[in-house]
Amino acid sequence: MPTLTKAELAELLFEQVGLNKREAKDMVETFFDEIRNALERGEAVKLSGFGNFQLRDKPQRPGRNPKTGEEIPITARRVVTFHASQKLKEMVELSSGSPVEMSV
């Protein structure tokens, strides 16, 4: 399965919007910088029609060393989660050729 990169996003902005290559690259970098900055400040990021990035605190929990079976603690940490919007889910499902129930 092919992967879309930041460089390819910048190239698409160059081709479709008419920005020069430097402006397109800067716009993509700024977009992702702002998402990262908001998450670092503890803010959720909501992109209408696309999805939400949220922070979740995971408590410490017991784990096991798979080689020895020894119990080891997995430290508490904060993780970023992404939840796709219903609209994005529907568009992906439609593009896969599978039947989908559309919401209004």
PDB file of N, CA and C in Angstrom:
ATOM      1  N   MET A   1       0.847  -1.177   0.000  1.00  0.00           N
ATOM      2  CA  MET A   1       0.000   0.000   0.000  1.00  0.00           C
ATOM      3  C   MET A   1       0.895   1.244   0.000  1.00  0.00           C
ATOM      4  N   PRO A   2       0.683   2.156  -0.926  1.00  0.00           N
ATOM      5  CA  PRO A   2       1.506   3.380  -0.987  1.00  0.00           C
ATOM      6  C   PRO A   2       1.275   4.266   0.241  1.00  0.00           C
ATOM      7  N   THR A   3       2.251   5.117   0.512  1.00  0.00           N
ATOM      8  CA  THR A   3       2.193   6.030   1.651  1.00  0.00           C
ATOM      9  C   THR A   3       2.301   7.465   1.150  1.00  0.00           C
ATOM     10  N   LEU A   4       1.445   8.339   1.669  1.00  0.00           N
ATOM     11  CA  LEU A   4       1.505   9.763   1.350  1.00  0.00           C
ATOM     12  C   LEU A   4       2.430  10.433   2.356  1.00  0.00           C
ATOM     13  N   THR A   5       3.448  11.131   1.874  1.00  0.00           N
ATOM     14  CA  THR A   5       4.427  11.788   2.740  1.00  0.00           C
ATOM     15  C   THR A   5       4.188  13.294   2.792  1.00  0.00           C
ATOM     16  N   LYS A   6       4.872  13.960   3.733  1.00  0.00           N
ATOM     17  CA  LYS A   6       4.783  15.424   3.803  1.00  0.00           C
ATOM     18  C   LYS A   6       5.313  16.050   2.521  1.00  0.00           C
ATOM     19  N   ALA A   7       6.367  15.485   1.964  1.00  0.00           N
ATOM     20  CA  ALA A   7       6.920  16.015   0.714  1.00  0.00           C
ATOM     21  C   ALA A   7       5.896  15.906  -0.414  1.00  0.00           C
ATOM     22  N   GLU A   8       5.157  14.805  -0.442  1.00  0.00           N
ATOM     23  CA  GLU A   8       4.129  14.648  -1.479  1.00  0.00           C
ATOM     24  C   GLU A   8       2.960  15.603  -1.250  1.00  0.00           C
ATOM     25  N   LEU A   9       2.611  15.858   0.007  1.00  0.00           N
ATOM     26  CA  LEU A   9       1.574  16.856   0.292  1.00  0.00           C
ATOM     27  C   LEU A   9       2.001  18.230  -0.216  1.00  0.00           C
ATOM     28  N   ALA A  10       3.254  18.588   0.022  1.00  0.00           N
ATOM     29  CA  ALA A  10       3.771  19.871  -0.458  1.00  0.00           C
ATOM     30  C   ALA A  10       3.730  19.923  -1.983  1.00  0.00           C
ATOM     31  N   GLU A  11       4.076  18.827  -2.624  1.00  0.00           N
ATOM     32  CA  GLU A  11       4.041  18.768  -4.093  1.00  0.00           C
ATOM     33  C   GLU A  11       2.608  18.954  -4.605  1.00  0.00           C
ATOM     34  N   LEU A  12       1.637  18.368  -3.920  1.00  0.00           N
ATOM     35  CA  LEU A  12       0.234  18.538  -4.309  1.00  0.00           C
ATOM     36  C   LEU A  12      -0.210  19.992  -4.152  1.00  0.00           C
ATOM     37  N   LEU A  13       0.221  20.658  -3.080  1.00  0.00           N
ATOM     38  CA  LEU A  13      -0.094  22.082  -2.916  1.00  0.00           C
ATOM     39  C   LEU A  13       0.525  22.901  -4.043  1.00  0.00           C
ATOM     40  N   PHE A  14       1.743  22.568  -4.395  1.00  0.00           N
ATOM     41  CA  PHE A  14       2.429  23.244  -5.498  1.00  0.00           C
ATOM     42  C   PHE A  14       1.636  23.084  -6.793  1.00  0.00           C
ATOM     43  N   GLU A  15       1.213  21.859  -7.082  1.00  0.00           N
ATOM     44  CA  GLU A  15       0.528  21.576  -8.346  1.00  0.00           C
ATOM     45  C   GLU A  15      -0.907  22.090  -8.378  1.00  0.00           C
ATOM     46  N   GLN A  16      -1.646  21.919  -7.283  1.00  0.00           N
ATOM     47  CA  GLN A  16      -3.080  22.187  -7.315  1.00  0.00           C
ATOM     48  C   GLN A  16      -3.476  23.574  -6.830  1.00  0.00           C
ATOM     49  N   VAL A  17      -2.669  24.163  -5.949  1.00  0.00           N
ATOM     50  CA  VAL A  17      -3.029  25.471  -5.399  1.00  0.00           C
ATOM     51  C   VAL A  17      -2.238  26.585  -6.064  1.00  0.00           C
ATOM     52  N   GLY A  18      -1.061  26.248  -6.577  1.00  0.00           N
ATOM     53  CA  GLY A  18      -0.260  27.246  -7.257  1.00  0.00           C
ATOM     54  C   GLY A  18       0.771  27.926  -6.379  1.00  0.00           C
ATOM     55  N   LEU A  19       0.990  27.403  -5.170  1.00  0.00           N
ATOM     56  CA  LEU A  19       2.062  27.945  -4.341  1.00  0.00           C
ATOM     57  C   LEU A  19       3.397  27.529  -4.940  1.00  0.00           C
ATOM     58  N   ASN A  20       4.443  28.328  -4.676  1.00  0.00           N
ATOM     59  CA  ASN A  20       5.748  27.842  -5.124  1.00  0.00           C
ATOM     60  C   ASN A  20       6.175  26.720  -4.180  1.00  0.00           C
ATOM     61  N   LYS A  21       7.198  25.990  -4.571  1.00  0.00           N
ATOM     62  CA  LYS A  21       7.576  24.793  -3.810  1.00  0.00           C
ATOM     63  C   LYS A  21       7.984  25.122  -2.375  1.00  0.00           C
ATOM     64  N   ARG A  22       8.673  26.220  -2.169  1.00  0.00           N
ATOM     65  CA  ARG A  22       9.101  26.609  -0.826  1.00  0.00           C
ATOM     66  C   ARG A  22       7.888  26.939   0.040  1.00  0.00           C
ATOM     67  N   GLU A  23       6.941  27.722  -0.510  1.00  0.00           N
ATOM     68  CA  GLU A  23       5.727  28.068   0.237  1.00  0.00           C
ATOM     69  C   GLU A  23       4.913  26.818   0.580  1.00  0.00           C
ATOM     70  N   ALA A  24       4.816  25.911  -0.363  1.00  0.00           N
ATOM     71  CA  ALA A  24       4.052  24.682  -0.145  1.00  0.00           C
ATOM     72  C   ALA A  24       4.677  23.851   0.972  1.00  0.00           C
ATOM     73  N   LYS A  25       5.999  23.704   0.944  1.00  0.00           N
ATOM     74  CA  LYS A  25       6.698  22.942   1.988  1.00  0.00           C
ATOM     75  C   LYS A  25       6.506  23.614   3.346  1.00  0.00           C
ATOM     76  N   ASP A  26       6.652  24.944   3.387  1.00  0.00           N
ATOM     77  CA  ASP A  26       6.478  25.687   4.638  1.00  0.00           C
ATOM     78  C   ASP A  26       5.053  25.555   5.181  1.00  0.00           C
ATOM     79  N   MET A  27       4.058  25.568   4.294  1.00  0.00           N
ATOM     80  CA  MET A  27       2.667  25.458   4.722  1.00  0.00           C
ATOM     81  C   MET A  27       2.408  24.085   5.356  1.00  0.00           C
ATOM     82  N   VAL A  28       2.912  23.041   4.745  1.00  0.00           N
ATOM     83  CA  VAL A  28       2.740  21.694   5.300  1.00  0.00           C
ATOM     84  C   VAL A  28       3.436  21.600   6.655  1.00  0.00           C
ATOM     85  N   GLU A  29       4.667  22.094   6.743  1.00  0.00           N
ATOM     86  CA  GLU A  29       5.404  22.054   8.013  1.00  0.00           C
ATOM     87  C   GLU A  29       4.675  22.839   9.097  1.00  0.00           C
ATOM     88  N   THR A  30       4.168  24.027   8.762  1.00  0.00           N
ATOM     89  CA  THR A  30       3.455  24.860   9.727  1.00  0.00           C
ATOM     90  C   THR A  30       2.184  24.174  10.206  1.00  0.00           C
ATOM     91  N   PHE A  31       1.464  23.543   9.289  1.00  0.00           N
ATOM     92  CA  PHE A  31       0.239  22.823   9.638  1.00  0.00           C
ATOM     93  C   PHE A  31       0.525  21.769  10.709  1.00  0.00           C
ATOM     94  N   PHE A  32       1.524  20.942  10.471  1.00  0.00           N
ATOM     95  CA  PHE A  32       1.841  19.880  11.428  1.00  0.00           C
ATOM     96  C   PHE A  32       2.479  20.431  12.706  1.00  0.00           C
ATOM     97  N   ASP A  33       3.248  21.511  12.592  1.00  0.00           N
ATOM     98  CA  ASP A  33       3.810  22.156  13.787  1.00  0.00           C
ATOM     99  C   ASP A  33       2.696  22.647  14.708  1.00  0.00           C
ATOM    100  N   GLU A  34       1.658  23.245  14.138  1.00  0.00           N
ATOM    101  CA  GLU A  34       0.555  23.770  14.945  1.00  0.00           C
ATOM    102  C   GLU A  34      -0.215  22.651  15.633  1.00  0.00           C
ATOM    103  N   ILE A  35      -0.407  21.536  14.951  1.00  0.00           N
ATOM    104  CA  ILE A  35      -1.053  20.383  15.588  1.00  0.00           C
ATOM    105  C   ILE A  35      -0.190  19.889  16.744  1.00  0.00           C
ATOM    106  N   ARG A  36       1.103  19.732  16.489  1.00  0.00           N
ATOM    107  CA  ARG A  36       2.022  19.262  17.527  1.00  0.00           C
ATOM    108  C   ARG A  36       2.053  20.234  18.711  1.00  0.00           C
ATOM    109  N   ASN A  37       2.114  21.539  18.441  1.00  0.00           N
ATOM    110  CA  ASN A  37       2.156  22.542  19.507  1.00  0.00           C
ATOM    111  C   ASN A  37       0.897  22.490  20.372  1.00  0.00           C
ATOM    112  N   ALA A  38      -0.260  22.364  19.738  1.00  0.00           N
ATOM    113  CA  ALA A  38      -1.513  22.286  20.493  1.00  0.00           C
ATOM    114  C   ALA A  38      -1.518  21.052  21.395  1.00  0.00           C
ATOM    115  N   LEU A  39      -1.075  19.929  20.873  1.00  0.00           N
ATOM    116  CA  LEU A  39      -1.031  18.704  21.679  1.00  0.00           C
ATOM    117  C   LEU A  39      -0.039  18.839  22.830  1.00  0.00           C
ATOM    118  N   GLU A  40       1.100  19.486  22.576  1.00  0.00           N
ATOM    119  CA  GLU A  40       2.087  19.702  23.643  1.00  0.00           C
ATOM    120  C   GLU A  40       1.523  20.579  24.758  1.00  0.00           C
ATOM    121  N   ARG A  41       0.610  21.502  24.403  1.00  0.00           N
ATOM    122  CA  ARG A  41      -0.038  22.364  25.405  1.00  0.00           C
ATOM    123  C   ARG A  41      -1.194  21.642  26.106  1.00  0.00           C
ATOM    124  N   GLY A  42      -1.464  20.417  25.717  1.00  0.00           N
ATOM    125  CA  GLY A  42      -2.543  19.651  26.335  1.00  0.00           C
ATOM    126  C   GLY A  42      -3.897  19.879  25.703  1.00  0.00           C
ATOM    127  N   GLU A  43      -3.935  20.488  24.524  1.00  0.00           N
ATOM    128  CA  GLU A  43      -5.192  20.778  23.841  1.00  0.00           C
ATOM    129  C   GLU A  43      -5.540  19.662  22.864  1.00  0.00           C
ATOM    130  N   ALA A  44      -6.842  19.406  22.711  1.00  0.00           N
ATOM    131  CA  ALA A  44      -7.309  18.493  21.669  1.00  0.00           C
ATOM    132  C   ALA A  44      -7.292  19.250  20.343  1.00  0.00           C
ATOM    133  N   VAL A  45      -7.173  18.536  19.242  1.00  0.00           N
ATOM    134  CA  VAL A  45      -7.193  19.135  17.906  1.00  0.00           C
ATOM    135  C   VAL A  45      -8.360  18.524  17.149  1.00  0.00           C
ATOM    136  N   LYS A  46      -9.302  19.367  16.721  1.00  0.00           N
ATOM    137  CA  LYS A  46     -10.488  18.898  16.008  1.00  0.00           C
ATOM    138  C   LYS A  46     -10.452  19.439  14.589  1.00  0.00           C
ATOM    139  N   LEU A  47     -10.396  18.536  13.620  1.00  0.00           N
ATOM    140  CA  LEU A  47     -10.387  18.902  12.211  1.00  0.00           C
ATOM    141  C   LEU A  47     -11.701  18.424  11.610  1.00  0.00           C
ATOM    142  N   SER A  48     -12.632  19.354  11.432  1.00  0.00           N
ATOM    143  CA  SER A  48     -13.974  19.021  10.978  1.00  0.00           C
ATOM    144  C   SER A  48     -13.940  18.210   9.688  1.00  0.00           C
ATOM    145  N   GLY A  49     -14.690  17.128   9.660  1.00  0.00           N
ATOM    146  CA  GLY A  49     -14.756  16.280   8.477  1.00  0.00           C
ATOM    147  C   GLY A  49     -13.573  15.344   8.328  1.00  0.00           C
ATOM    148  N   PHE A  50     -12.613  15.427   9.243  1.00  0.00           N
ATOM    149  CA  PHE A  50     -11.427  14.574   9.166  1.00  0.00           C
ATOM    150  C   PHE A  50     -11.292  13.723  10.423  1.00  0.00           C
ATOM    151  N   GLY A  51     -11.150  14.378  11.584  1.00  0.00           N
ATOM    152  CA  GLY A  51     -11.037  13.621  12.825  1.00  0.00           C
ATOM    153  C   GLY A  51     -10.488  14.461  13.950  1.00  0.00           C
ATOM    154  N   ASN A  52     -10.294  13.813  15.096  1.00  0.00           N
ATOM    155  CA  ASN A  52      -9.824  14.485  16.303  1.00  0.00           C
ATOM    156  C   ASN A  52      -8.573  13.812  16.843  1.00  0.00           C
ATOM    157  N   PHE A  53      -7.603  14.643  17.223  1.00  0.00           N
ATOM    158  CA  PHE A  53      -6.428  14.176  17.951  1.00  0.00           C
ATOM    159  C   PHE A  53      -6.676  14.525  19.409  1.00  0.00           C
ATOM    160  N   GLN A  54      -6.533  13.541  20.289  1.00  0.00           N
ATOM    161  CA  GLN A  54      -6.750  13.786  21.706  1.00  0.00           C
ATOM    162  C   GLN A  54      -5.608  13.178  22.507  1.00  0.00           C
ATOM    163  N   LEU A  55      -5.448  13.690  23.720  1.00  0.00           N
ATOM    164  CA  LEU A  55      -4.450  13.153  24.639  1.00  0.00           C
ATOM    165  C   LEU A  55      -5.152  12.258  25.646  1.00  0.00           C
ATOM    166  N   ARG A  56      -4.482  11.186  26.003  1.00  0.00           N
ATOM    167  CA  ARG A  56      -5.030  10.271  27.002  1.00  0.00           C
ATOM    168  C   ARG A  56      -3.917   9.871  27.952  1.00  0.00           C
ATOM    169  N   ASP A  57      -4.193   9.962  29.237  1.00  0.00           N
ATOM    170  CA  ASP A  57      -3.223   9.532  30.239  1.00  0.00           C
ATOM    171  C   ASP A  57      -3.442   8.052  30.526  1.00  0.00           C
ATOM    172  N   LYS A  58      -2.377   7.281  30.381  1.00  0.00           N
ATOM    173  CA  LYS A  58      -2.442   5.850  30.680  1.00  0.00           C
ATOM    174  C   LYS A  58      -1.749   5.621  32.016  1.00  0.00           C
ATOM    175  N   PRO A  59      -2.420   4.973  32.946  1.00  0.00           N
ATOM    176  CA  PRO A  59      -1.810   4.740  34.256  1.00  0.00           C
ATOM    177  C   PRO A  59      -0.723   3.669  34.186  1.00  0.00           C
ATOM    178  N   GLN A  60       0.094   3.637  35.231  1.00  0.00           N
ATOM    179  CA  GLN A  60       1.089   2.567  35.322  1.00  0.00           C
ATOM    180  C   GLN A  60       0.346   1.239  35.391  1.00  0.00           C
ATOM    181  N   ARG A  61       0.951   0.209  34.795  1.00  0.00           N
ATOM    182  CA  ARG A  61       0.324  -1.109  34.833  1.00  0.00           C
ATOM    183  C   ARG A  61       1.404  -2.176  34.853  1.00  0.00           C
ATOM    184  N   PRO A  62       1.044  -3.360  35.301  1.00  0.00           N
ATOM    185  CA  PRO A  62       2.041  -4.431  35.313  1.00  0.00           C
ATOM    186  C   PRO A  62       2.246  -4.992  33.909  1.00  0.00           C
ATOM    187  N   GLY A  63       3.466  -5.367  33.618  1.00  0.00           N
ATOM    188  CA  GLY A  63       3.797  -6.005  32.349  1.00  0.00           C
ATOM    189  C   GLY A  63       4.714  -7.182  32.615  1.00  0.00           C
ATOM    190  N   ARG A  64       5.092  -7.869  31.564  1.00  0.00           N
ATOM    191  CA  ARG A  64       5.986  -9.019  31.715  1.00  0.00           C
ATOM    192  C   ARG A  64       7.082  -8.968  30.669  1.00  0.00           C
ATOM    193  N   ASN A  65       8.283  -9.341  31.087  1.00  0.00           N
ATOM    194  CA  ASN A  65       9.380  -9.529  30.150  1.00  0.00           C
ATOM    195  C   ASN A  65       9.057 -10.805  29.373  1.00  0.00           C
ATOM    196  N   PRO A  66       8.899 -10.723  28.041  1.00  0.00           N
ATOM    197  CA  PRO A  66       8.493 -11.907  27.282  1.00  0.00           C
ATOM    198  C   PRO A  66       9.518 -13.043  27.312  1.00  0.00           C
ATOM    199  N   LYS A  67      10.786 -12.720  27.516  1.00  0.00           N
ATOM    200  CA  LYS A  67      11.819 -13.770  27.539  1.00  0.00           C
ATOM    201  C   LYS A  67      11.866 -14.500  28.876  1.00  0.00           C
ATOM    202  N   THR A  68      11.776 -13.732  29.969  1.00  0.00           N
ATOM    203  CA  THR A  68      11.965 -14.341  31.293  1.00  0.00           C
ATOM    204  C   THR A  68      10.659 -14.555  32.048  1.00  0.00           C
ATOM    205  N   GLY A  69       9.600 -13.860  31.628  1.00  0.00           N
ATOM    206  CA  GLY A  69       8.339 -13.944  32.354  1.00  0.00           C
ATOM    207  C   GLY A  69       8.316 -13.086  33.603  1.00  0.00           C
ATOM    208  N   GLU A  70       9.430 -12.395  33.867  1.00  0.00           N
ATOM    209  CA  GLU A  70       9.526 -11.536  35.048  1.00  0.00           C
ATOM    210  C   GLU A  70       8.532 -10.383  34.933  1.00  0.00           C
ATOM    211  N   GLU A  71       7.832 -10.100  36.038  1.00  0.00           N
ATOM    212  CA  GLU A  71       6.892  -8.986  36.046  1.00  0.00           C
ATOM    213  C   GLU A  71       7.665  -7.684  36.175  1.00  0.00           C
ATOM    214  N   ILE A  72       7.352  -6.732  35.291  1.00  0.00           N
ATOM    215  CA  ILE A  72       7.995  -5.416  35.313  1.00  0.00           C
ATOM    216  C   ILE A  72       6.908  -4.353  35.175  1.00  0.00           C
ATOM    217  N   PRO A  73       7.074  -3.212  35.838  1.00  0.00           N
ATOM    218  CA  PRO A  73       6.056  -2.164  35.714  1.00  0.00           C
ATOM    219  C   PRO A  73       6.206  -1.405  34.389  1.00  0.00           C
ATOM    220  N   ILE A  74       5.078  -1.130  33.764  1.00  0.00           N
ATOM    221  CA  ILE A  74       5.053  -0.248  32.594  1.00  0.00           C
ATOM    222  C   ILE A  74       4.627   1.109  33.125  1.00  0.00           C
ATOM    223  N   THR A  75       5.493   2.103  32.967  1.00  0.00           N
ATOM    224  CA  THR A  75       5.267   3.406  33.594  1.00  0.00           C
ATOM    225  C   THR A  75       4.066   4.132  32.990  1.00  0.00           C
ATOM    226  N   ALA A  76       3.495   5.016  33.799  1.00  0.00           N
ATOM    227  CA  ALA A  76       2.395   5.860  33.341  1.00  0.00           C
ATOM    228  C   ALA A  76       2.920   6.765  32.233  1.00  0.00           C
ATOM    229  N   ARG A  77       2.058   7.064  31.288  1.00  0.00           N
ATOM    230  CA  ARG A  77       2.474   7.937  30.192  1.00  0.00           C
ATOM    231  C   ARG A  77       1.254   8.589  29.554  1.00  0.00           C
ATOM    232  N   ARG A  78       1.519   9.612  28.784  1.00  0.00           N
ATOM    233  CA  ARG A  78       0.478  10.310  28.034  1.00  0.00           C
ATOM    234  C   ARG A  78       0.637   9.917  26.571  1.00  0.00           C
ATOM    235  N   VAL A  79      -0.473   9.557  25.936  1.00  0.00           N
ATOM    236  CA  VAL A  79      -0.424   9.139  24.539  1.00  0.00           C
ATOM    237  C   VAL A  79      -1.376   9.996  23.708  1.00  0.00           C
ATOM    238  N   VAL A  80      -1.087  10.085  22.422  1.00  0.00           N
ATOM    239  CA  VAL A  80      -1.951  10.782  21.472  1.00  0.00           C
ATOM    240  C   VAL A  80      -2.819   9.736  20.787  1.00  0.00           C
ATOM    241  N   THR A  81      -4.115  10.009  20.724  1.00  0.00           N
ATOM    242  CA  THR A  81      -5.013   9.127  19.993  1.00  0.00           C
ATOM    243  C   THR A  81      -5.648   9.919  18.861  1.00  0.00           C
ATOM    244  N   PHE A  82      -6.015   9.220  17.800  1.00  0.00           N
ATOM    245  CA  PHE A  82      -6.717   9.838  16.675  1.00  0.00           C
ATOM    246  C   PHE A  82      -8.013   9.087  16.464  1.00  0.00           C
ATOM    247  N   HIS A  83      -9.100   9.841  16.371  1.00  0.00           N
ATOM    248  CA  HIS A  83     -10.406   9.264  16.081  1.00  0.00           C
ATOM    249  C   HIS A  83     -10.895   9.876  14.773  1.00  0.00           C
ATOM    250  N   ALA A  84     -11.046   9.050  13.763  1.00  0.00           N
ATOM    251  CA  ALA A  84     -11.520   9.520  12.463  1.00  0.00           C
ATOM    252  C   ALA A  84     -12.975   9.960  12.574  1.00  0.00           C
ATOM    253  N   SER A  85     -13.327  11.014  11.843  1.00  0.00           N
ATOM    254  CA  SER A  85     -14.716  11.469  11.828  1.00  0.00           C
ATOM    255  C   SER A  85     -15.568  10.459  11.064  1.00  0.00           C
ATOM    256  N   GLN A  86     -16.864  10.529  11.304  1.00  0.00           N
ATOM    257  CA  GLN A  86     -17.774   9.633  10.585  1.00  0.00           C
ATOM    258  C   GLN A  86     -17.679   9.886   9.085  1.00  0.00           C
ATOM    259  N   LYS A  87     -17.539  11.149   8.709  1.00  0.00           N
ATOM    260  CA  LYS A  87     -17.437  11.495   7.285  1.00  0.00           C
ATOM    261  C   LYS A  87     -16.198  10.852   6.662  1.00  0.00           C
ATOM    262  N   LEU A  88     -15.064  10.917   7.333  1.00  0.00           N
ATOM    263  CA  LEU A  88     -13.842  10.295   6.818  1.00  0.00           C
ATOM    264  C   LEU A  88     -14.018   8.786   6.719  1.00  0.00           C
ATOM    265  N   LYS A  89     -14.593   8.177   7.748  1.00  0.00           N
ATOM    266  CA  LYS A  89     -14.820   6.732   7.722  1.00  0.00           C
ATOM    267  C   LYS A  89     -15.687   6.337   6.528  1.00  0.00           C
ATOM    268  N   GLU A  90     -16.733   7.118   6.281  1.00  0.00           N
ATOM    269  CA  GLU A  90     -17.625   6.818   5.163  1.00  0.00           C
ATOM    270  C   GLU A  90     -16.908   6.963   3.824  1.00  0.00           C
ATOM    271  N   MET A  91     -16.093   7.999   3.677  1.00  0.00           N
ATOM    272  CA  MET A  91     -15.372   8.207   2.418  1.00  0.00           C
ATOM    273  C   MET A  91     -14.369   7.078   2.168  1.00  0.00           C
ATOM    274  N   VAL A  92     -13.682   6.639   3.207  1.00  0.00           N
ATOM    275  CA  VAL A  92     -12.728   5.533   3.068  1.00  0.00           C
ATOM    276  C   VAL A  92     -13.473   4.259   2.690  1.00  0.00           C
ATOM    277  N   GLU A  93     -14.593   4.030   3.343  1.00  0.00           N
ATOM    278  CA  GLU A  93     -15.386   2.834   3.052  1.00  0.00           C
ATOM    279  C   GLU A  93     -15.895   2.866   1.612  1.00  0.00           C
ATOM    280  N   LEU A  94     -16.364   4.029   1.162  1.00  0.00           N
ATOM    281  CA  LEU A  94     -16.843   4.151  -0.220  1.00  0.00           C
ATOM    282  C   LEU A  94     -15.726   3.882  -1.220  1.00  0.00           C
ATOM    283  N   SER A  95     -14.535   4.378  -0.928  1.00  0.00           N
ATOM    284  CA  SER A  95     -13.421   4.201  -1.864  1.00  0.00           C
ATOM    285  C   SER A  95     -12.930   2.761  -1.896  1.00  0.00           C
ATOM    286  N   SER A  96     -13.266   1.971  -0.874  1.00  0.00           N
ATOM    287  CA  SER A  96     -12.833   0.571  -0.855  1.00  0.00           C
ATOM    288  C   SER A  96     -13.764  -0.317  -1.663  1.00  0.00           C
ATOM    289  N   GLY A  97     -14.905   0.235  -2.099  1.00  0.00           N
ATOM    290  CA  GLY A  97     -15.842  -0.536  -2.898  1.00  0.00           C
ATOM    291  C   GLY A  97     -16.810  -1.360  -2.073  1.00  0.00           C
ATOM    292  N   SER A  98     -16.704  -1.288  -0.753  1.00  0.00           N
ATOM    293  CA  SER A  98     -17.606  -2.034   0.115  1.00  0.00           C
ATOM    294  C   SER A  98     -18.872  -1.225   0.356  1.00  0.00           C
ATOM    295  N   PRO A  99     -19.993  -1.892   0.584  1.00  0.00           N
ATOM    296  CA  PRO A  99     -21.215  -1.143   0.891  1.00  0.00           C
ATOM    297  C   PRO A  99     -21.078  -0.435   2.232  1.00  0.00           C
ATOM    298  N   VAL A 100     -21.689   0.729   2.317  1.00  0.00           N
ATOM    299  CA  VAL A 100     -21.628   1.504   3.550  1.00  0.00           C
ATOM    300  C   VAL A 100     -22.972   2.168   3.785  1.00  0.00           C
ATOM    301  N   GLU A 101     -23.322   2.346   5.039  1.00  0.00           N
ATOM    302  CA  GLU A 101     -24.533   3.058   5.389  1.00  0.00           C
ATOM    303  C   GLU A 101     -24.167   4.515   5.605  1.00  0.00           C
ATOM    304  N   MET A 102     -24.749   5.408   4.825  1.00  0.00           N
ATOM    305  CA  MET A 102     -24.430   6.833   4.921  1.00  0.00           C
ATOM    306  C   MET A 102     -25.288   7.475   6.001  1.00  0.00           C
ATOM    307  N   SER A 103     -24.673   8.342   6.797  1.00  0.00           N
ATOM    308  CA  SER A 103     -25.444   9.094   7.783  1.00  0.00           C
ATOM    309  C   SER A 103     -25.791  10.449   7.192  1.00  0.00           C
ATOM    310  N   VAL A 104     -26.870  11.023   7.668  1.00  0.00           N
ATOM    311  CA  VAL A 104     -27.322  12.308   7.134  1.00  0.00           C
ATOM    312  C   VAL A 104     -26.893  13.429   8.025  1.00  0.00           C
TER     313      VAL A 104
END
